[in-house]
Amino acid sequence: MKMFSRLIVFLFLAACGASSPDGDEIVTQWNVQSAIGMDALLLIGAASGDLMQAHIYPEEIAAVRGKMSAEGIAALDTLDAVLRQDLGRLTGPSLAYIFSAGPVATLDDVIESAADPIARLRPGLETSPNWDAREFESAAELMPTVHTALLALRDTGFVEQYRQESLPNIDAAIASDYADVISRDVIPEQERLLGRDLDPQIDIIIVRYAKPYGMRILGQRFVAYYGWDARTQLQIAAHEIFHPPFDLNDAELGDLLSELRSDPWLMSIVQDHDPQYGYNSFEGVVNEGSTQALDQIVSDRLGFADEPGKRWRESDGGMHMLAAALYHAMRESGFADDGGNYAEWLKDALRSGLLSPSEVQRRAALVAGRDAVDAWGPHRSADAGK
């Protein structure tokens, strides 16, 4: 048996004629697996200075930095300075996405990709709708630093330790998660709301160092923490496949969003939320709000949802009030039940006033409560300046 992470489950349900509890054929094909190379990238991100992971993995971060060479520590610090401090990006998730364009099953896989990103990563990244040649060039410039950090991590004995301490727990989580997700047919629900066909296969890579993030990487593939139960894994898959639920370059949609873009209350959310949560632009808030509202509808219908009001009062400091409003509007208008094309529904809702600034606040309050809505607005900025 190889000492690297192993593929535990790789079954195609439709090919096997699997059925849901009500007897319908399952469309969604679940693939749940481990990948030590992916975990290595995420540990580098945590050890480089991720603020949200510092209190989750303090012992692991201290151990890695304590064993690494001075050259390796310098590489970690450079990654933090460039990605987190200068660009405002999450180091681990950013690396996870870039390297998912190549093999990640072993530590040597990602080391080789860092040594030759043009041959091993660029072809896969070019297939993404988010492909940006200039961003890749910037990422490629960092690859020697990533390569140095990965080599230093290997020299600490990471692979052997991972096999002994992490992989048994990951293997157990894979078996448990697969047994629970096998009958959850999320793809047809997502197609019903997006108005287009999706790949029926969903890949979940179970790792140790993802917490607190649920990450979508290239394709319909997700990275998730082994300690989360299957319900959380389902919620991650239900959420991430929707990103983005509309054309990010749709000029007509951009024009229709102009009233919300100039609304002081909504812009308070954009500007005054804790930036460590991400979504630090108006477009990011709309994208995430849309995606959360859509995933809530799927989770509601398939029986693994959190209560929406509590969710949006507590998640990310209560910043996702737009998600609550969109969810309410989709339910009230019948879109949640009837389905269609979300991008067109959103434009129609903006044209008709269903999502005017006052309506967004009213609808969000009906879902999450008036106090959650009133926590935002120009007064928040003024209070912060005192």
Protein backbone atom coordinates (compact mmCIF):
# COMPACT_ATOMS: atom_id res chain seq x y z
CA MET A 1 0.00 0.00 0.00
CA LYS A 2 1.32 3.44 -0.84
CA MET A 3 2.09 5.70 2.10
CA PHE A 4 0.29 8.59 0.45
CA SER A 5 -3.38 9.47 0.67
CA ARG A 6 -5.65 6.96 -0.96
CA LEU A 7 -8.83 7.12 -2.96
CA ILE A 8 -11.33 5.41 -0.69
CA VAL A 9 -14.59 5.62 -2.56
CA PHE A 10 -15.15 6.17 -6.25
CA LEU A 11 -18.59 4.97 -7.26
CA PHE A 12 -20.89 6.24 -9.95
CA LEU A 13 -24.44 5.95 -8.71
CA ALA A 14 -26.28 6.45 -11.96
CA ALA A 15 -24.26 3.76 -13.67
CA CYS A 16 -25.11 1.41 -10.84
CA GLY A 17 -28.81 2.26 -11.00
CA ALA A 18 -28.88 3.69 -7.48
CA SER A 19 -32.19 5.05 -6.28
CA SER A 20 -33.38 7.66 -3.83
CA PRO A 21 -35.65 6.69 -0.91
CA ASP A 22 -38.73 7.47 -3.02
CA GLY A 23 -37.57 5.14 -5.79
CA ASP A 24 -36.35 7.72 -8.31
CA GLU A 25 -33.01 7.15 -9.98
CA ILE A 26 -30.19 9.17 -8.44
CA VAL A 27 -28.52 11.59 -10.85
CA THR A 28 -25.77 12.90 -8.56
CA GLN A 29 -22.55 10.88 -8.58
CA TRP A 30 -20.58 11.30 -5.35
CA ASN A 31 -16.81 10.78 -5.20
CA VAL A 32 -15.30 11.16 -1.71
CA GLN A 33 -11.52 10.92 -1.32
CA SER A 34 -8.37 12.08 0.46
CA ALA A 35 -5.35 13.97 -0.93
CA ILE A 36 -2.20 14.59 1.06
CA GLY A 37 -0.91 17.09 -1.49
CA MET A 38 -3.96 19.26 -0.98
CA ASP A 39 -3.56 19.08 2.80
CA ALA A 40 0.09 20.10 2.48
CA LEU A 41 -0.93 23.26 0.63
CA LEU A 42 -3.54 24.08 3.24
CA LEU A 43 -1.09 23.55 6.10
CA ILE A 44 1.33 25.94 4.40
CA GLY A 45 -1.48 28.48 4.24
CA ALA A 46 -2.29 28.05 7.92
CA ALA A 47 1.37 28.19 8.97
CA SER A 48 2.06 31.27 6.86
CA GLY A 49 -0.24 33.49 8.93
CA ASP A 50 -3.94 32.81 8.28
CA LEU A 51 -5.72 34.75 11.03
CA MET A 52 -8.83 32.57 11.11
CA GLN A 53 -6.82 29.36 11.34
CA ALA A 54 -4.33 30.54 13.95
CA HIS A 55 -6.60 29.63 16.88
CA ILE A 56 -7.80 26.38 15.23
CA TYR A 57 -4.39 24.83 14.54
CA PRO A 58 -2.03 26.55 17.02
CA GLU A 59 -0.10 23.40 17.96
CA GLU A 60 0.22 22.19 14.38
CA ILE A 61 1.40 25.60 13.17
CA ALA A 62 3.95 25.88 15.97
CA ALA A 63 5.24 22.37 15.26
CA VAL A 64 5.66 22.97 11.55
CA ARG A 65 7.36 26.33 11.96
CA GLY A 66 9.55 24.87 14.70
CA LYS A 67 10.82 22.08 12.45
CA MET A 68 11.20 24.07 9.23
CA SER A 69 14.48 25.43 7.95
CA ALA A 70 15.08 29.18 7.97
CA GLU A 71 14.60 29.13 4.21
CA GLY A 72 11.22 27.46 4.62
CA ILE A 73 10.08 29.96 7.25
CA ALA A 74 11.12 32.83 4.98
CA ALA A 75 9.05 31.29 2.16
CA LEU A 76 5.98 31.06 4.42
CA ASP A 77 6.39 34.67 5.46
CA THR A 78 6.72 35.78 1.84
CA LEU A 79 3.51 33.97 0.88
CA ASP A 80 1.69 35.68 3.73
CA ALA A 81 3.05 39.10 2.80
CA VAL A 82 2.06 38.78 -0.86
CA LEU A 83 -1.22 36.88 -0.74
CA ARG A 84 -2.84 37.87 2.54
CA GLN A 85 -1.35 41.25 3.36
CA ASP A 86 -0.89 42.76 -0.10
CA LEU A 87 -3.67 41.09 -2.09
CA GLY A 88 -6.15 40.36 0.69
CA ARG A 89 -6.47 36.69 -0.28
CA LEU A 90 -6.61 33.55 1.83
CA THR A 91 -3.32 31.78 1.24
CA GLY A 92 -4.40 28.16 1.71
CA PRO A 93 -7.64 28.37 -0.30
CA SER A 94 -5.86 30.32 -3.05
CA LEU A 95 -3.17 27.68 -3.35
CA ALA A 96 -5.77 24.91 -3.21
CA TYR A 97 -7.58 26.37 -6.21
CA ILE A 98 -4.47 26.95 -8.31
CA PHE A 99 -2.98 23.52 -7.65
CA SER A 100 -6.30 21.73 -8.22
CA ALA A 101 -5.57 22.19 -11.94
CA GLY A 102 -2.99 19.42 -11.51
CA PRO A 103 -2.67 16.24 -9.45
CA VAL A 104 -2.82 16.66 -5.67
CA ALA A 105 -2.93 13.07 -4.40
CA THR A 106 0.66 13.13 -3.08
CA LEU A 107 3.07 15.69 -1.71
CA ASP A 108 5.39 15.02 -4.64
CA ASP A 109 2.52 15.87 -7.01
CA VAL A 110 2.24 19.43 -5.72
CA ILE A 111 6.01 19.83 -5.42
CA GLU A 112 6.37 18.96 -9.10
CA SER A 113 3.54 21.34 -10.04
CA ALA A 114 5.20 24.17 -8.13
CA ALA A 115 8.43 23.46 -10.03
CA ASP A 116 6.70 23.57 -13.44
CA PRO A 117 3.36 25.44 -13.20
CA ILE A 118 3.20 26.29 -16.90
CA ALA A 119 3.18 22.65 -17.99
CA ARG A 120 1.29 21.14 -15.04
CA LEU A 121 -1.19 23.82 -13.94
CA ARG A 122 -1.83 26.29 -16.72
CA PRO A 123 -3.66 23.87 -19.10
CA GLY A 124 -6.20 22.98 -16.42
CA LEU A 125 -6.67 26.55 -15.25
CA GLU A 126 -7.31 27.69 -18.81
CA THR A 127 -10.46 25.53 -18.84
CA SER A 128 -11.96 27.53 -15.96
CA PRO A 129 -14.53 30.28 -16.67
CA ASN A 130 -12.48 32.36 -14.22
CA TRP A 131 -9.28 32.05 -16.28
CA ASP A 132 -7.18 35.20 -16.24
CA ALA A 133 -3.77 35.10 -17.93
CA ARG A 134 -2.37 38.00 -15.94
CA GLU A 135 -3.45 36.46 -12.63
CA PHE A 136 -1.76 33.23 -13.63
CA GLU A 137 1.44 35.09 -14.43
CA SER A 138 1.35 36.65 -10.96
CA ALA A 139 0.72 33.24 -9.40
CA ALA A 140 3.55 31.69 -11.42
CA GLU A 141 5.95 34.29 -10.04
CA LEU A 142 5.18 32.98 -6.54
CA MET A 143 5.72 29.33 -7.44
CA PRO A 144 9.44 29.22 -6.55
CA THR A 145 8.45 30.41 -3.07
CA VAL A 146 5.70 27.79 -2.82
CA HIS A 147 8.18 25.17 -4.05
CA THR A 148 10.62 26.15 -1.32
CA ALA A 149 7.92 25.94 1.35
CA LEU A 150 6.74 22.52 0.16
CA LEU A 151 10.28 21.11 0.11
CA ALA A 152 10.83 22.43 3.62
CA LEU A 153 7.57 20.84 4.74
CA ARG A 154 8.65 17.49 3.28
CA ASP A 155 11.92 17.72 5.20
CA THR A 156 10.02 17.96 8.50
CA GLY A 157 8.73 14.40 8.05
CA PHE A 158 5.25 15.60 7.17
CA VAL A 159 4.30 12.60 5.01
CA GLU A 160 5.13 9.98 7.63
CA GLN A 161 3.42 11.92 10.39
CA TYR A 162 0.35 12.56 8.24
CA ARG A 163 0.03 8.87 7.44
CA GLN A 164 0.14 7.93 11.10
CA GLU A 165 -1.88 10.73 12.69
CA SER A 166 -4.27 12.14 10.10
CA LEU A 167 -5.07 9.50 7.51
CA PRO A 168 -6.89 7.04 9.80
CA ASN A 169 -9.33 9.77 10.86
CA ILE A 170 -9.75 10.94 7.27
CA ASP A 171 -10.42 7.40 6.03
CA ALA A 172 -13.09 6.92 8.69
CA ALA A 173 -14.71 10.24 7.77
CA ILE A 174 -14.75 9.32 4.08
CA ALA A 175 -16.57 6.06 4.72
CA SER A 176 -19.10 7.74 7.01
CA ASP A 177 -19.70 10.73 4.75
CA TYR A 178 -20.17 8.60 1.65
CA ALA A 179 -22.77 6.42 3.37
CA ASP A 180 -24.72 9.56 4.29
CA VAL A 181 -24.50 11.51 1.02
CA ILE A 182 -25.16 8.64 -1.38
CA SER A 183 -28.93 9.24 -1.59
CA ARG A 184 -28.83 13.06 -1.66
CA ASP A 185 -29.60 14.13 -5.21
CA VAL A 186 -28.48 17.75 -5.24
CA ILE A 187 -27.58 18.18 -8.92
CA PRO A 188 -31.17 18.14 -10.29
CA GLU A 189 -32.18 20.74 -7.69
CA GLN A 190 -29.32 23.01 -8.72
CA GLU A 191 -30.09 22.57 -12.42
CA ARG A 192 -33.72 23.47 -11.67
CA LEU A 193 -32.66 26.83 -10.22
CA LEU A 194 -29.85 27.69 -12.63
CA GLY A 195 -31.73 26.75 -15.79
CA ARG A 196 -28.83 24.81 -17.25
CA ASP A 197 -27.28 21.36 -17.19
CA LEU A 198 -24.51 20.48 -14.74
CA ASP A 199 -21.97 17.69 -14.56
CA PRO A 200 -23.58 14.96 -12.44
CA GLN A 201 -20.32 14.19 -10.60
CA ILE A 202 -19.38 15.90 -7.33
CA ASP A 203 -15.93 15.33 -5.81
CA ILE A 204 -15.32 15.98 -2.11
CA ILE A 205 -11.71 15.92 -0.92
CA ILE A 206 -11.59 15.28 2.83
CA VAL A 207 -8.59 16.87 4.56
CA ARG A 208 -7.36 17.91 7.99
CA TYR A 209 -6.29 21.53 7.48
CA ALA A 210 -9.31 23.11 5.75
CA LYS A 211 -11.16 24.34 8.83
CA PRO A 212 -12.96 26.81 8.95
CA TYR A 213 -13.23 26.95 5.15
CA GLY A 214 -15.37 24.93 2.76
CA MET A 215 -13.67 25.48 -0.58
CA ARG A 216 -14.59 24.98 -4.18
CA ILE A 217 -11.64 24.17 -6.38
CA LEU A 218 -11.51 23.65 -10.14
CA GLY A 219 -14.62 21.97 -11.49
CA GLN A 220 -17.34 20.53 -9.25
CA ARG A 221 -14.80 19.65 -6.59
CA PHE A 222 -14.73 20.70 -2.97
CA VAL A 223 -12.32 20.55 -0.08
CA ALA A 224 -13.73 19.93 3.38
CA TYR A 225 -12.53 19.27 6.94
CA TYR A 226 -12.69 15.64 8.09
CA GLY A 227 -14.35 16.54 11.39
CA TRP A 228 -17.47 17.91 9.74
CA ASP A 229 -20.41 15.56 9.46
CA ALA A 230 -22.06 14.61 6.19
CA ARG A 231 -24.74 17.27 6.66
CA THR A 232 -22.07 19.95 6.53
CA GLN A 233 -20.43 18.33 3.50
CA LEU A 234 -23.81 18.36 1.75
CA GLN A 235 -24.29 22.02 2.59
CA ILE A 236 -20.87 22.84 1.15
CA ALA A 237 -21.66 21.00 -2.09
CA ALA A 238 -25.12 22.57 -2.29
CA HIS A 239 -23.51 25.99 -1.90
CA GLU A 240 -20.32 25.94 -3.92
CA ILE A 241 -21.68 24.56 -7.19
CA PHE A 242 -23.82 27.68 -7.56
CA HIS A 243 -20.79 30.01 -7.67
CA PRO A 244 -21.32 32.17 -9.64
CA PRO A 245 -25.07 31.91 -10.32
CA PHE A 246 -24.95 34.62 -13.00
CA ASP A 247 -22.55 35.99 -15.59
CA LEU A 248 -20.07 38.16 -13.70
CA ASN A 249 -19.63 40.28 -16.86
CA ASP A 250 -23.35 40.82 -17.55
CA ALA A 251 -23.53 44.58 -18.17
CA GLU A 252 -27.33 44.65 -17.99
CA LEU A 253 -27.28 43.05 -14.55
CA GLY A 254 -24.61 45.51 -13.47
CA ASP A 255 -26.83 48.42 -14.47
CA LEU A 256 -29.84 46.94 -12.68
CA LEU A 257 -27.80 46.56 -9.49
CA SER A 258 -26.79 50.24 -9.50
CA GLU A 259 -29.54 51.26 -7.04
CA LEU A 260 -28.38 48.68 -4.51
CA ARG A 261 -24.76 49.64 -5.15
CA SER A 262 -25.55 53.21 -4.07
CA ASP A 263 -27.63 52.19 -1.03
CA PRO A 264 -25.87 53.36 2.19
CA TRP A 265 -27.24 50.45 4.23
CA LEU A 266 -26.01 47.73 1.85
CA MET A 267 -22.70 49.50 1.30
CA SER A 268 -22.24 49.53 5.06
CA ILE A 269 -22.26 45.74 4.91
CA VAL A 270 -19.69 45.80 2.11
CA GLN A 271 -17.41 48.28 3.83
CA ASP A 272 -17.87 47.65 7.55
CA HIS A 273 -17.90 43.86 7.90
CA ASP A 274 -14.79 42.10 9.18
CA PRO A 275 -12.60 41.74 6.08
CA GLN A 276 -11.23 38.38 7.23
CA TYR A 277 -14.55 36.85 6.13
CA GLY A 278 -13.92 37.86 2.51
CA TYR A 279 -16.62 39.28 0.22
CA ASN A 280 -14.87 42.65 0.34
CA SER A 281 -16.58 44.14 -2.70
CA PHE A 282 -20.16 44.86 -3.71
CA GLU A 283 -19.93 42.23 -6.43
CA GLY A 284 -18.62 39.70 -3.92
CA VAL A 285 -21.53 40.36 -1.56
CA VAL A 286 -24.08 39.94 -4.36
CA ASN A 287 -22.42 36.75 -5.63
CA GLU A 288 -22.23 35.22 -2.16
CA GLY A 289 -25.69 36.41 -1.15
CA SER A 290 -27.21 34.88 -4.27
CA THR A 291 -25.36 31.62 -3.73
CA GLN A 292 -26.37 31.35 -0.07
CA ALA A 293 -30.02 32.02 -0.87
CA LEU A 294 -29.99 29.37 -3.59
CA ASP A 295 -28.25 26.77 -1.44
CA GLN A 296 -30.78 27.37 1.34
CA ILE A 297 -33.59 26.49 -1.05
CA VAL A 298 -31.84 23.26 -2.07
CA SER A 299 -31.10 22.37 1.54
CA ASP A 300 -34.70 23.09 2.53
CA ARG A 301 -36.06 20.81 -0.16
CA LEU A 302 -33.63 17.94 0.49
CA GLY A 303 -33.83 18.05 4.27
CA PHE A 304 -30.37 19.13 5.45
CA ALA A 305 -30.90 22.87 5.95
CA ASP A 306 -30.04 25.06 8.91
CA GLU A 307 -32.82 27.37 10.09
CA PRO A 308 -32.42 30.39 7.76
CA GLY A 309 -32.98 33.16 10.30
CA LYS A 310 -30.42 31.79 12.74
CA ARG A 311 -28.02 31.10 9.91
CA TRP A 312 -27.97 34.65 8.64
CA ARG A 313 -28.00 36.28 12.06
CA GLU A 314 -24.85 34.39 13.05
CA SER A 315 -22.86 33.61 9.90
CA ASP A 316 -19.81 35.82 9.22
CA GLY A 317 -20.83 38.43 11.75
CA GLY A 318 -24.35 38.72 10.36
CA MET A 319 -23.21 40.28 7.08
CA HIS A 320 -25.32 38.19 4.69
CA MET A 321 -28.55 40.16 4.94
CA LEU A 322 -28.83 40.29 1.16
CA ALA A 323 -28.95 36.48 1.14
CA ALA A 324 -31.88 36.56 3.55
CA ALA A 325 -33.72 39.06 1.35
CA LEU A 326 -33.10 37.10 -1.84
CA TYR A 327 -34.29 33.90 -0.17
CA HIS A 328 -37.52 35.59 0.94
CA ALA A 329 -38.12 37.10 -2.50
CA MET A 330 -37.55 33.78 -4.29
CA ARG A 331 -40.00 32.02 -2.00
CA GLU A 332 -42.63 34.74 -2.22
CA SER A 333 -42.41 35.01 -6.01
CA GLY A 334 -42.71 31.25 -6.50
CA PHE A 335 -39.24 30.86 -8.02
CA ALA A 336 -38.12 28.60 -5.17
CA ASP A 337 -40.84 26.09 -6.09
CA ASP A 338 -41.11 26.60 -9.84
CA GLY A 339 -37.42 27.05 -10.68
CA GLY A 340 -36.13 28.62 -13.86
CA ASN A 341 -33.05 30.70 -14.62
CA TYR A 342 -31.81 32.51 -11.51
CA ALA A 343 -29.89 35.15 -13.46
CA GLU A 344 -33.03 36.14 -15.36
CA TRP A 345 -35.16 35.98 -12.23
CA LEU A 346 -32.73 38.33 -10.47
CA LYS A 347 -32.88 40.87 -13.30
CA ASP A 348 -36.68 40.73 -13.35
CA ALA A 349 -36.81 41.16 -9.57
CA LEU A 350 -34.57 44.22 -9.78
CA ARG A 351 -36.62 45.74 -12.61
CA SER A 352 -39.93 45.23 -10.80
CA GLY A 353 -38.82 46.70 -7.48
CA LEU A 354 -38.99 43.35 -5.72
CA LEU A 355 -35.42 44.02 -4.58
CA SER A 356 -35.34 47.78 -4.13
CA PRO A 357 -33.18 48.92 -1.18
CA SER A 358 -36.20 49.29 1.09
CA GLU A 359 -37.57 45.91 0.02
CA VAL A 360 -34.21 44.23 0.65
CA GLN A 361 -34.20 45.54 4.22
CA ARG A 362 -37.85 44.59 4.79
CA ARG A 363 -37.39 41.07 3.47
CA ALA A 364 -34.16 40.51 5.37
CA ALA A 365 -35.89 41.59 8.58
CA LEU A 366 -38.71 39.10 7.99
CA VAL A 367 -36.16 36.27 7.77
CA ALA A 368 -33.36 37.29 10.14
CA GLY A 369 -35.07 39.82 12.42
CA ARG A 370 -35.13 43.58 12.62
CA ASP A 371 -32.16 43.77 15.00
CA ALA A 372 -29.96 41.93 12.50
CA VAL A 373 -30.90 44.42 9.78
CA ASP A 374 -30.51 47.48 12.00
CA ALA A 375 -27.01 46.41 12.99
CA TRP A 376 -25.89 47.77 9.60
CA GLY A 377 -26.11 51.22 8.06
CA PRO A 378 -24.30 54.55 8.07
CA HIS A 379 -24.50 54.71 11.86
CA ARG A 380 -22.17 51.70 12.09
CA SER A 381 -19.42 53.54 10.19
CA ALA A 382 -19.95 56.61 12.33
CA ASP A 383 -19.75 54.57 15.54
CA ALA A 384 -16.56 52.88 14.34
CA GLY A 385 -14.94 56.26 13.83
CA LYS A 386 -15.51 57.41 17.41
